mmCIF file of all heavy atoms, coordinates in Angstrom:
data_MODEL
# 
_entry.id   MODEL 
# 
loop_
_atom_site.group_PDB 
_atom_site.id 
_atom_site.type_symbol 
_atom_site.label_atom_id 
_atom_site.label_alt_id 
_atom_site.label_comp_id 
_atom_site.label_asym_id 
_atom_site.label_entity_id 
_atom_site.label_seq_id 
_atom_site.pdbx_PDB_ins_code 
_atom_site.Cartn_x 
_atom_site.Cartn_y 
_atom_site.Cartn_z 
_atom_site.occupancy 
_atom_site.B_iso_or_equiv 
_atom_site.pdbx_formal_charge 
_atom_site.auth_seq_id 
_atom_site.auth_comp_id 
_atom_site.auth_asym_id 
_atom_site.auth_atom_id 
_atom_site.pdbx_PDB_model_num 
ATOM 1   N N   . ASN A 1 1  ? -0.985  -1.120  -10.470 1.00 0.00 ? 1  ASN A N   1 
ATOM 2   C CA  . ASN A 1 1  ? 0.310   -1.728  -10.494 1.00 0.00 ? 1  ASN A CA  1 
ATOM 3   C C   . ASN A 1 1  ? 0.901   -1.824  -11.800 1.00 0.00 ? 1  ASN A C   1 
ATOM 4   O O   . ASN A 1 1  ? 0.223   -1.404  -12.843 1.00 0.00 ? 1  ASN A O   1 
ATOM 5   C CB  . ASN A 1 1  ? 0.231   -3.101  -9.793  1.00 0.00 ? 1  ASN A CB  1 
ATOM 6   C CG  . ASN A 1 1  ? -0.453  -4.086  -10.659 1.00 0.00 ? 1  ASN A CG  1 
ATOM 7   O OD1 . ASN A 1 1  ? -0.691  -3.983  -11.848 1.00 0.00 ? 1  ASN A OD1 1 
ATOM 8   N ND2 . ASN A 1 1  ? -0.924  -5.270  -10.220 1.00 0.00 ? 1  ASN A ND2 1 
ATOM 9   N N   . TYR A 1 2  ? 2.186   -2.128  -11.797 1.00 0.00 ? 2  TYR A N   1 
ATOM 10  C CA  . TYR A 1 2  ? 3.013   -2.253  -13.175 1.00 0.00 ? 2  TYR A CA  1 
ATOM 11  C C   . TYR A 1 2  ? 4.116   -3.247  -12.724 1.00 0.00 ? 2  TYR A C   1 
ATOM 12  O O   . TYR A 1 2  ? 5.008   -2.762  -11.972 1.00 0.00 ? 2  TYR A O   1 
ATOM 13  C CB  . TYR A 1 2  ? 3.492   -0.933  -13.399 1.00 0.00 ? 2  TYR A CB  1 
ATOM 14  C CG  . TYR A 1 2  ? 4.212   -0.845  -14.893 1.00 0.00 ? 2  TYR A CG  1 
ATOM 15  C CD1 . TYR A 1 2  ? 3.658   -0.378  -16.006 1.00 0.00 ? 2  TYR A CD1 1 
ATOM 16  C CD2 . TYR A 1 2  ? 5.577   -1.400  -14.963 1.00 0.00 ? 2  TYR A CD2 1 
ATOM 17  C CE1 . TYR A 1 2  ? 4.337   -0.414  -17.208 1.00 0.00 ? 2  TYR A CE1 1 
ATOM 18  C CE2 . TYR A 1 2  ? 6.139   -1.452  -16.122 1.00 0.00 ? 2  TYR A CE2 1 
ATOM 19  C CZ  . TYR A 1 2  ? 5.604   -0.874  -17.224 1.00 0.00 ? 2  TYR A CZ  1 
ATOM 20  O OH  . TYR A 1 2  ? 6.346   -0.713  -18.411 1.00 0.00 ? 2  TYR A OH  1 
ATOM 21  N N   . HIS A 1 3  ? 4.018   -4.426  -13.388 1.00 0.00 ? 3  HIS A N   1 
ATOM 22  C CA  . HIS A 1 3  ? 5.111   -5.301  -12.921 1.00 0.00 ? 3  HIS A CA  1 
ATOM 23  C C   . HIS A 1 3  ? 5.339   -6.563  -13.862 1.00 0.00 ? 3  HIS A C   1 
ATOM 24  O O   . HIS A 1 3  ? 4.316   -6.762  -14.513 1.00 0.00 ? 3  HIS A O   1 
ATOM 25  C CB  . HIS A 1 3  ? 4.970   -5.752  -11.481 1.00 0.00 ? 3  HIS A CB  1 
ATOM 26  C CG  . HIS A 1 3  ? 3.613   -6.636  -11.245 1.00 0.00 ? 3  HIS A CG  1 
ATOM 27  N ND1 . HIS A 1 3  ? 3.482   -7.978  -11.663 1.00 0.00 ? 3  HIS A ND1 1 
ATOM 28  C CD2 . HIS A 1 3  ? 2.456   -6.172  -10.759 1.00 0.00 ? 3  HIS A CD2 1 
ATOM 29  C CE1 . HIS A 1 3  ? 2.268   -8.291  -11.320 1.00 0.00 ? 3  HIS A CE1 1 
ATOM 30  N NE2 . HIS A 1 3  ? 1.555   -7.228  -10.729 1.00 0.00 ? 3  HIS A NE2 1 
ATOM 31  N N   . HIS A 1 4  ? 6.496   -7.171  -13.703 1.00 0.00 ? 4  HIS A N   1 
ATOM 32  C CA  . HIS A 1 4  ? 6.715   -8.564  -14.350 1.00 0.00 ? 4  HIS A CA  1 
ATOM 33  C C   . HIS A 1 4  ? 5.902   -9.543  -13.673 1.00 0.00 ? 4  HIS A C   1 
ATOM 34  O O   . HIS A 1 4  ? 5.637   -9.498  -12.511 1.00 0.00 ? 4  HIS A O   1 
ATOM 35  C CB  . HIS A 1 4  ? 8.205   -8.900  -14.255 1.00 0.00 ? 4  HIS A CB  1 
ATOM 36  C CG  . HIS A 1 4  ? 9.115   -7.984  -15.131 1.00 0.00 ? 4  HIS A CG  1 
ATOM 37  N ND1 . HIS A 1 4  ? 9.405   -8.299  -16.456 1.00 0.00 ? 4  HIS A ND1 1 
ATOM 38  C CD2 . HIS A 1 4  ? 9.580   -6.861  -14.770 1.00 0.00 ? 4  HIS A CD2 1 
ATOM 39  C CE1 . HIS A 1 4  ? 10.209  -7.324  -16.853 1.00 0.00 ? 4  HIS A CE1 1 
ATOM 40  N NE2 . HIS A 1 4  ? 10.403  -6.435  -15.974 1.00 0.00 ? 4  HIS A NE2 1 
ATOM 41  N N   . VAL A 1 5  ? 5.548   -10.614 -14.451 1.00 0.00 ? 5  VAL A N   1 
ATOM 42  C CA  . VAL A 1 5  ? 4.806   -11.686 -13.899 1.00 0.00 ? 5  VAL A CA  1 
ATOM 43  C C   . VAL A 1 5  ? 5.523   -13.025 -14.402 1.00 0.00 ? 5  VAL A C   1 
ATOM 44  O O   . VAL A 1 5  ? 6.120   -13.029 -15.408 1.00 0.00 ? 5  VAL A O   1 
ATOM 45  C CB  . VAL A 1 5  ? 3.311   -11.696 -14.333 1.00 0.00 ? 5  VAL A CB  1 
ATOM 46  C CG1 . VAL A 1 5  ? 2.645   -10.519 -13.695 1.00 0.00 ? 5  VAL A CG1 1 
ATOM 47  C CG2 . VAL A 1 5  ? 3.162   -11.751 -15.802 1.00 0.00 ? 5  VAL A CG2 1 
ATOM 48  N N   . ALA A 1 6  ? 5.351   -14.094 -13.613 1.00 0.00 ? 6  ALA A N   1 
ATOM 49  C CA  . ALA A 1 6  ? 6.006   -15.359 -13.831 1.00 0.00 ? 6  ALA A CA  1 
ATOM 50  C C   . ALA A 1 6  ? 5.413   -16.059 -14.966 1.00 0.00 ? 6  ALA A C   1 
ATOM 51  O O   . ALA A 1 6  ? 4.141   -15.914 -15.285 1.00 0.00 ? 6  ALA A O   1 
ATOM 52  C CB  . ALA A 1 6  ? 5.931   -16.148 -12.649 1.00 0.00 ? 6  ALA A CB  1 
ATOM 53  N N   . PRO A 1 7  ? 6.239   -16.765 -15.795 1.00 0.00 ? 7  PRO A N   1 
ATOM 54  C CA  . PRO A 1 7  ? 5.547   -17.714 -16.725 1.00 0.00 ? 7  PRO A CA  1 
ATOM 55  C C   . PRO A 1 7  ? 4.530   -18.628 -16.241 1.00 0.00 ? 7  PRO A C   1 
ATOM 56  O O   . PRO A 1 7  ? 4.692   -19.005 -15.094 1.00 0.00 ? 7  PRO A O   1 
ATOM 57  C CB  . PRO A 1 7  ? 6.793   -18.417 -17.364 1.00 0.00 ? 7  PRO A CB  1 
ATOM 58  C CG  . PRO A 1 7  ? 7.943   -17.499 -17.031 1.00 0.00 ? 7  PRO A CG  1 
ATOM 59  C CD  . PRO A 1 7  ? 7.713   -16.883 -15.668 1.00 0.00 ? 7  PRO A CD  1 
ATOM 60  N N   . ALA A 1 8  ? 3.412   -18.815 -16.958 1.00 0.00 ? 8  ALA A N   1 
ATOM 61  C CA  . ALA A 1 8  ? 2.373   -19.652 -16.536 1.00 0.00 ? 8  ALA A CA  1 
ATOM 62  C C   . ALA A 1 8  ? 1.543   -19.193 -15.399 1.00 0.00 ? 8  ALA A C   1 
ATOM 63  O O   . ALA A 1 8  ? 0.677   -19.959 -14.881 1.00 0.00 ? 8  ALA A O   1 
ATOM 64  C CB  . ALA A 1 8  ? 2.816   -21.075 -16.356 1.00 0.00 ? 8  ALA A CB  1 
ATOM 65  N N   . ALA A 1 9  ? 1.754   -17.901 -14.987 1.00 0.00 ? 9  ALA A N   1 
ATOM 66  C CA  . ALA A 1 9  ? 0.954   -17.394 -13.886 1.00 0.00 ? 9  ALA A CA  1 
ATOM 67  C C   . ALA A 1 9  ? -0.534  -17.376 -14.240 1.00 0.00 ? 9  ALA A C   1 
ATOM 68  O O   . ALA A 1 9  ? -0.902  -17.122 -15.342 1.00 0.00 ? 9  ALA A O   1 
ATOM 69  C CB  . ALA A 1 9  ? 1.476   -15.925 -13.484 1.00 0.00 ? 9  ALA A CB  1 
ATOM 70  N N   . VAL A 1 10 ? -1.416  -17.624 -13.240 1.00 0.00 ? 10 VAL A N   1 
ATOM 71  C CA  . VAL A 1 10 ? -2.832  -17.633 -13.422 1.00 0.00 ? 10 VAL A CA  1 
ATOM 72  C C   . VAL A 1 10 ? -3.441  -16.799 -12.397 1.00 0.00 ? 10 VAL A C   1 
ATOM 73  O O   . VAL A 1 10 ? -3.199  -16.906 -11.164 1.00 0.00 ? 10 VAL A O   1 
ATOM 74  C CB  . VAL A 1 10 ? -3.272  -19.091 -13.366 1.00 0.00 ? 10 VAL A CB  1 
ATOM 75  C CG1 . VAL A 1 10 ? -4.875  -19.100 -13.584 1.00 0.00 ? 10 VAL A CG1 1 
ATOM 76  C CG2 . VAL A 1 10 ? -2.659  -19.924 -14.441 1.00 0.00 ? 10 VAL A CG2 1 
ATOM 77  N N   . TRP A 1 11 ? -4.497  -16.077 -12.779 1.00 0.00 ? 11 TRP A N   1 
ATOM 78  C CA  . TRP A 1 11 ? -5.510  -15.291 -11.787 1.00 0.00 ? 11 TRP A CA  1 
ATOM 79  C C   . TRP A 1 11 ? -6.963  -15.803 -12.031 1.00 0.00 ? 11 TRP A C   1 
ATOM 80  O O   . TRP A 1 11 ? -7.371  -15.732 -13.118 1.00 0.00 ? 11 TRP A O   1 
ATOM 81  C CB  . TRP A 1 11 ? -5.328  -13.868 -12.036 1.00 0.00 ? 11 TRP A CB  1 
ATOM 82  C CG  . TRP A 1 11 ? -4.018  -13.325 -11.879 1.00 0.00 ? 11 TRP A CG  1 
ATOM 83  C CD1 . TRP A 1 11 ? -3.569  -12.755 -10.550 1.00 0.00 ? 11 TRP A CD1 1 
ATOM 84  C CD2 . TRP A 1 11 ? -2.860  -13.335 -12.671 1.00 0.00 ? 11 TRP A CD2 1 
ATOM 85  N NE1 . TRP A 1 11 ? -2.179  -12.367 -10.790 1.00 0.00 ? 11 TRP A NE1 1 
ATOM 86  C CE2 . TRP A 1 11 ? -1.749  -12.649 -11.966 1.00 0.00 ? 11 TRP A CE2 1 
ATOM 87  C CE3 . TRP A 1 11 ? -2.782  -13.717 -14.007 1.00 0.00 ? 11 TRP A CE3 1 
ATOM 88  C CZ2 . TRP A 1 11 ? -0.571  -12.432 -12.547 1.00 0.00 ? 11 TRP A CZ2 1 
ATOM 89  C CZ3 . TRP A 1 11 ? -1.496  -13.461 -14.553 1.00 0.00 ? 11 TRP A CZ3 1 
ATOM 90  C CH2 . TRP A 1 11 ? -0.497  -12.815 -13.868 1.00 0.00 ? 11 TRP A CH2 1 
ATOM 91  N N   . GLY A 1 12 ? -7.484  -16.505 -10.996 1.00 0.00 ? 12 GLY A N   1 
ATOM 92  C CA  . GLY A 1 12 ? -8.848  -16.963 -11.239 1.00 0.00 ? 12 GLY A CA  1 
ATOM 93  C C   . GLY A 1 12 ? -9.061  -18.364 -11.278 1.00 0.00 ? 12 GLY A C   1 
ATOM 94  O O   . GLY A 1 12 ? -7.949  -19.195 -11.138 1.00 0.00 ? 12 GLY A O   1 
ATOM 95  N N   . PRO A 1 13 ? -10.210 -18.779 -11.421 1.00 0.00 ? 13 PRO A N   1 
ATOM 96  C CA  . PRO A 1 13 ? -11.398 -17.955 -11.727 1.00 0.00 ? 13 PRO A CA  1 
ATOM 97  C C   . PRO A 1 13 ? -11.730 -16.981 -10.576 1.00 0.00 ? 13 PRO A C   1 
ATOM 98  O O   . PRO A 1 13 ? -11.686 -17.386 -9.465  1.00 0.00 ? 13 PRO A O   1 
ATOM 99  C CB  . PRO A 1 13 ? -12.551 -18.954 -11.934 1.00 0.00 ? 13 PRO A CB  1 
ATOM 100 C CG  . PRO A 1 13 ? -11.847 -20.402 -12.214 1.00 0.00 ? 13 PRO A CG  1 
ATOM 101 C CD  . PRO A 1 13 ? -10.583 -20.286 -11.434 1.00 0.00 ? 13 PRO A CD  1 
ATOM 102 N N   . ARG A 1 14 ? -12.041 -15.764 -11.025 1.00 0.00 ? 14 ARG A N   1 
ATOM 103 C CA  . ARG A 1 14 ? -12.266 -14.750 -9.963  1.00 0.00 ? 14 ARG A CA  1 
ATOM 104 C C   . ARG A 1 14 ? -13.412 -13.803 -10.446 1.00 0.00 ? 14 ARG A C   1 
ATOM 105 O O   . ARG A 1 14 ? -13.719 -13.747 -11.655 1.00 0.00 ? 14 ARG A O   1 
ATOM 106 C CB  . ARG A 1 14 ? -10.989 -13.969 -9.778  1.00 0.00 ? 14 ARG A CB  1 
ATOM 107 C CG  . ARG A 1 14 ? -10.457 -13.234 -10.883 1.00 0.00 ? 14 ARG A CG  1 
ATOM 108 C CD  . ARG A 1 14 ? -9.251  -12.507 -10.519 1.00 0.00 ? 14 ARG A CD  1 
ATOM 109 N NE  . ARG A 1 14 ? -8.792  -11.622 -11.695 1.00 0.00 ? 14 ARG A NE  1 
ATOM 110 C CZ  . ARG A 1 14 ? -7.781  -10.686 -11.773 1.00 0.00 ? 14 ARG A CZ  1 
ATOM 111 N NH1 . ARG A 1 14 ? -7.223  -10.576 -10.623 1.00 0.00 ? 14 ARG A NH1 1 
ATOM 112 N NH2 . ARG A 1 14 ? -7.530  -10.052 -12.838 1.00 0.00 ? 14 ARG A NH2 1 
ATOM 113 N N   . ARG A 1 15 ? -13.849 -13.003 -9.496  1.00 0.00 ? 15 ARG A N   1 
ATOM 114 C CA  . ARG A 1 15 ? -14.891 -12.010 -9.819  1.00 0.00 ? 15 ARG A CA  1 
ATOM 115 C C   . ARG A 1 15 ? -14.595 -10.756 -9.017  1.00 0.00 ? 15 ARG A C   1 
ATOM 116 O O   . ARG A 1 15 ? -14.356 -10.945 -7.866  1.00 0.00 ? 15 ARG A O   1 
ATOM 117 C CB  . ARG A 1 15 ? -16.398 -12.609 -9.454  1.00 0.00 ? 15 ARG A CB  1 
ATOM 118 C CG  . ARG A 1 15 ? -17.524 -11.551 -9.770  1.00 0.00 ? 15 ARG A CG  1 
ATOM 119 C CD  . ARG A 1 15 ? -18.743 -12.086 -9.324  1.00 0.00 ? 15 ARG A CD  1 
ATOM 120 N NE  . ARG A 1 15 ? -19.066 -13.304 -9.871  1.00 0.00 ? 15 ARG A NE  1 
ATOM 121 C CZ  . ARG A 1 15 ? -20.252 -13.987 -9.736  1.00 0.00 ? 15 ARG A CZ  1 
ATOM 122 N NH1 . ARG A 1 15 ? -20.993 -13.615 -8.734  1.00 0.00 ? 15 ARG A NH1 1 
ATOM 123 N NH2 . ARG A 1 15 ? -20.526 -15.119 -10.361 1.00 0.00 ? 15 ARG A NH2 1 
ATOM 124 N N   . ILE A 1 16 ? -14.477 -9.780  -9.705  1.00 0.00 ? 16 ILE A N   1 
ATOM 125 C CA  . ILE A 1 16 ? -14.175 -8.389  -9.097  1.00 0.00 ? 16 ILE A CA  1 
ATOM 126 C C   . ILE A 1 16 ? -15.192 -7.429  -8.961  1.00 0.00 ? 16 ILE A C   1 
ATOM 127 O O   . ILE A 1 16 ? -16.081 -7.354  -10.043 1.00 0.00 ? 16 ILE A O   1 
ATOM 128 C CB  . ILE A 1 16 ? -12.975 -7.765  -9.799  1.00 0.00 ? 16 ILE A CB  1 
ATOM 129 C CG1 . ILE A 1 16 ? -11.716 -8.725  -9.756  1.00 0.00 ? 16 ILE A CG1 1 
ATOM 130 C CG2 . ILE A 1 16 ? -12.486 -6.357  -9.225  1.00 0.00 ? 16 ILE A CG2 1 
ATOM 131 C CD1 . ILE A 1 16 ? -10.595 -8.396  -10.520 1.00 0.00 ? 16 ILE A CD1 1 
ATOM 132 N N   . ALA A 1 17 ? -15.465 -6.632  -7.884  1.00 0.00 ? 17 ALA A N   1 
ATOM 133 C CA  . ALA A 1 17 ? -16.570 -5.859  -7.711  1.00 0.00 ? 17 ALA A CA  1 
ATOM 134 C C   . ALA A 1 17 ? -16.582 -4.533  -8.539  1.00 0.00 ? 17 ALA A C   1 
ATOM 135 O O   . ALA A 1 17 ? -17.401 -3.716  -8.728  1.00 0.00 ? 17 ALA A O   1 
ATOM 136 C CB  . ALA A 1 17 ? -16.611 -5.489  -6.227  1.00 0.00 ? 17 ALA A CB  1 
ATOM 137 N N   . ASP A 1 18 ? -15.247 -4.219  -9.121  1.00 0.00 ? 18 ASP A N   1 
ATOM 138 C CA  . ASP A 1 18 ? -15.194 -2.847  -9.785  1.00 0.00 ? 18 ASP A CA  1 
ATOM 139 C C   . ASP A 1 18 ? -14.519 -3.156  -11.164 1.00 0.00 ? 18 ASP A C   1 
ATOM 140 O O   . ASP A 1 18 ? -14.243 -4.233  -11.583 1.00 0.00 ? 18 ASP A O   1 
ATOM 141 C CB  . ASP A 1 18 ? -14.442 -1.874  -8.967  1.00 0.00 ? 18 ASP A CB  1 
ATOM 142 C CG  . ASP A 1 18 ? -13.057 -2.420  -8.469  1.00 0.00 ? 18 ASP A CG  1 
ATOM 143 O OD1 . ASP A 1 18 ? -12.586 -3.395  -8.989  1.00 0.00 ? 18 ASP A OD1 1 
ATOM 144 O OD2 . ASP A 1 18 ? -12.561 -1.916  -7.573  1.00 0.00 ? 18 ASP A OD2 1 
ATOM 145 N N   . LEU A 1 19 ? -14.482 -2.086  -11.939 1.00 0.00 ? 19 LEU A N   1 
ATOM 146 C CA  . LEU A 1 19 ? -13.871 -2.175  -13.271 1.00 0.00 ? 19 LEU A CA  1 
ATOM 147 C C   . LEU A 1 19 ? -12.455 -2.354  -13.208 1.00 0.00 ? 19 LEU A C   1 
ATOM 148 O O   . LEU A 1 19 ? -11.761 -1.812  -12.241 1.00 0.00 ? 19 LEU A O   1 
ATOM 149 C CB  . LEU A 1 19 ? -14.093 -0.802  -14.044 1.00 0.00 ? 19 LEU A CB  1 
ATOM 150 C CG  . LEU A 1 19 ? -13.368 -0.558  -15.310 1.00 0.00 ? 19 LEU A CG  1 
ATOM 151 C CD1 . LEU A 1 19 ? -13.731 -1.506  -16.365 1.00 0.00 ? 19 LEU A CD1 1 
ATOM 152 C CD2 . LEU A 1 19 ? -13.606 0.910   -15.696 1.00 0.00 ? 19 LEU A CD2 1 
ATOM 153 N N   . GLU A 1 20 ? -11.869 -3.297  -14.033 1.00 0.00 ? 20 GLU A N   1 
ATOM 154 C CA  . GLU A 1 20 ? -10.545 -3.470  -14.060 1.00 0.00 ? 20 GLU A CA  1 
ATOM 155 C C   . GLU A 1 20 ? -9.977  -3.200  -15.507 1.00 0.00 ? 20 GLU A C   1 
ATOM 156 O O   . GLU A 1 20 ? -10.616 -3.854  -16.568 1.00 0.00 ? 20 GLU A O   1 
ATOM 157 C CB  . GLU A 1 20 ? -10.061 -4.833  -13.599 1.00 0.00 ? 20 GLU A CB  1 
ATOM 158 C CG  . GLU A 1 20 ? -8.539  -5.067  -13.682 1.00 0.00 ? 20 GLU A CG  1 
ATOM 159 C CD  . GLU A 1 20 ? -8.188  -6.413  -13.144 1.00 0.00 ? 20 GLU A CD  1 
ATOM 160 O OE1 . GLU A 1 20 ? -8.922  -7.282  -12.989 1.00 0.00 ? 20 GLU A OE1 1 
ATOM 161 O OE2 . GLU A 1 20 ? -6.830  -6.633  -12.914 1.00 0.00 ? 20 GLU A OE2 1 
ATOM 162 N N   . LEU A 1 21 ? -9.009  -2.488  -15.761 1.00 0.00 ? 21 LEU A N   1 
ATOM 163 C CA  . LEU A 1 21 ? -8.360  -2.374  -17.043 1.00 0.00 ? 21 LEU A CA  1 
ATOM 164 C C   . LEU A 1 21 ? -6.889  -2.907  -16.873 1.00 0.00 ? 21 LEU A C   1 
ATOM 165 O O   . LEU A 1 21 ? -6.173  -2.643  -16.017 1.00 0.00 ? 21 LEU A O   1 
ATOM 166 C CB  . LEU A 1 21 ? -8.184  -0.864  -17.297 1.00 0.00 ? 21 LEU A CB  1 
ATOM 167 C CG  . LEU A 1 21 ? -9.478  -0.071  -17.613 1.00 0.00 ? 21 LEU A CG  1 
ATOM 168 C CD1 . LEU A 1 21 ? -9.137  1.292   -17.947 1.00 0.00 ? 21 LEU A CD1 1 
ATOM 169 C CD2 . LEU A 1 21 ? -10.349 -0.638  -18.701 1.00 0.00 ? 21 LEU A CD2 1 
ATOM 170 N N   . ILE A 1 22 ? -6.477  -3.839  -17.835 1.00 0.00 ? 22 ILE A N   1 
ATOM 171 C CA  . ILE A 1 22 ? -5.116  -4.478  -17.811 1.00 0.00 ? 22 ILE A CA  1 
ATOM 172 C C   . ILE A 1 22 ? -4.561  -4.101  -19.216 1.00 0.00 ? 22 ILE A C   1 
ATOM 173 O O   . ILE A 1 22 ? -4.995  -4.617  -20.276 1.00 0.00 ? 22 ILE A O   1 
ATOM 174 C CB  . ILE A 1 22 ? -5.309  -6.056  -17.663 1.00 0.00 ? 22 ILE A CB  1 
ATOM 175 C CG1 . ILE A 1 22 ? -6.055  -6.336  -16.327 1.00 0.00 ? 22 ILE A CG1 1 
ATOM 176 C CG2 . ILE A 1 22 ? -3.943  -6.651  -17.702 1.00 0.00 ? 22 ILE A CG2 1 
ATOM 177 C CD1 . ILE A 1 22 ? -6.432  -7.764  -16.321 1.00 0.00 ? 22 ILE A CD1 1 
ATOM 178 N N   . LEU A 1 23 ? -3.444  -3.488  -19.131 1.00 0.00 ? 23 LEU A N   1 
ATOM 179 C CA  . LEU A 1 23 ? -2.478  -3.231  -20.329 1.00 0.00 ? 23 LEU A CA  1 
ATOM 180 C C   . LEU A 1 23 ? -1.458  -4.181  -20.358 1.00 0.00 ? 23 LEU A C   1 
ATOM 181 O O   . LEU A 1 23 ? -0.694  -4.493  -19.403 1.00 0.00 ? 23 LEU A O   1 
ATOM 182 C CB  . LEU A 1 23 ? -1.927  -1.850  -20.241 1.00 0.00 ? 23 LEU A CB  1 
ATOM 183 C CG  . LEU A 1 23 ? -0.870  -1.514  -21.253 1.00 0.00 ? 23 LEU A CG  1 
ATOM 184 C CD1 . LEU A 1 23 ? -1.515  -1.508  -22.691 1.00 0.00 ? 23 LEU A CD1 1 
ATOM 185 C CD2 . LEU A 1 23 ? -0.060  -0.168  -20.941 1.00 0.00 ? 23 LEU A CD2 1 
ATOM 186 N N   . VAL A 1 24 ? -1.461  -4.936  -21.486 1.00 0.00 ? 24 VAL A N   1 
ATOM 187 C CA  . VAL A 1 24 ? -0.375  -5.975  -21.765 1.00 0.00 ? 24 VAL A CA  1 
ATOM 188 C C   . VAL A 1 24 ? 0.841   -5.172  -22.135 1.00 0.00 ? 24 VAL A C   1 
ATOM 189 O O   . VAL A 1 24 ? 0.931   -4.576  -23.219 1.00 0.00 ? 24 VAL A O   1 
ATOM 190 C CB  . VAL A 1 24 ? -0.742  -6.948  -22.875 1.00 0.00 ? 24 VAL A CB  1 
ATOM 191 C CG1 . VAL A 1 24 ? 0.440   -7.868  -23.039 1.00 0.00 ? 24 VAL A CG1 1 
ATOM 192 C CG2 . VAL A 1 24 ? -2.018  -7.683  -22.397 1.00 0.00 ? 24 VAL A CG2 1 
ATOM 193 N N   . VAL A 1 25 ? 1.997   -5.157  -21.465 1.00 0.00 ? 25 VAL A N   1 
ATOM 194 C CA  . VAL A 1 25 ? 3.201   -4.423  -21.604 1.00 0.00 ? 25 VAL A CA  1 
ATOM 195 C C   . VAL A 1 25 ? 4.099   -5.299  -22.369 1.00 0.00 ? 25 VAL A C   1 
ATOM 196 O O   . VAL A 1 25 ? 4.790   -4.797  -23.400 1.00 0.00 ? 25 VAL A O   1 
ATOM 197 C CB  . VAL A 1 25 ? 3.859   -3.943  -20.308 1.00 0.00 ? 25 VAL A CB  1 
ATOM 198 C CG1 . VAL A 1 25 ? 5.147   -3.170  -20.615 1.00 0.00 ? 25 VAL A CG1 1 
ATOM 199 C CG2 . VAL A 1 25 ? 2.850   -2.970  -19.576 1.00 0.00 ? 25 VAL A CG2 1 
ATOM 200 N N   . GLU A 1 26 ? 4.069   -6.455  -22.023 1.00 0.00 ? 26 GLU A N   1 
ATOM 201 C CA  . GLU A 1 26 ? 5.021   -7.586  -22.700 1.00 0.00 ? 26 GLU A CA  1 
ATOM 202 C C   . GLU A 1 26 ? 4.376   -8.955  -22.725 1.00 0.00 ? 26 GLU A C   1 
ATOM 203 O O   . GLU A 1 26 ? 3.798   -9.287  -21.696 1.00 0.00 ? 26 GLU A O   1 
ATOM 204 C CB  . GLU A 1 26 ? 6.416   -7.599  -22.061 1.00 0.00 ? 26 GLU A CB  1 
ATOM 205 C CG  . GLU A 1 26 ? 7.518   -8.401  -22.678 1.00 0.00 ? 26 GLU A CG  1 
ATOM 206 C CD  . GLU A 1 26 ? 8.743   -8.396  -21.985 1.00 0.00 ? 26 GLU A CD  1 
ATOM 207 O OE1 . GLU A 1 26 ? 8.868   -7.693  -20.827 1.00 0.00 ? 26 GLU A OE1 1 
ATOM 208 O OE2 . GLU A 1 26 ? 9.805   -8.973  -22.508 1.00 0.00 ? 26 GLU A OE2 1 
# 
């Protein structure tokens, strides 16, 4: 994906079964 996110948005605590790469765009 590639998208804007809301201020103060939170993901987790979570555990993912595969590799995740996250690029900080802004």
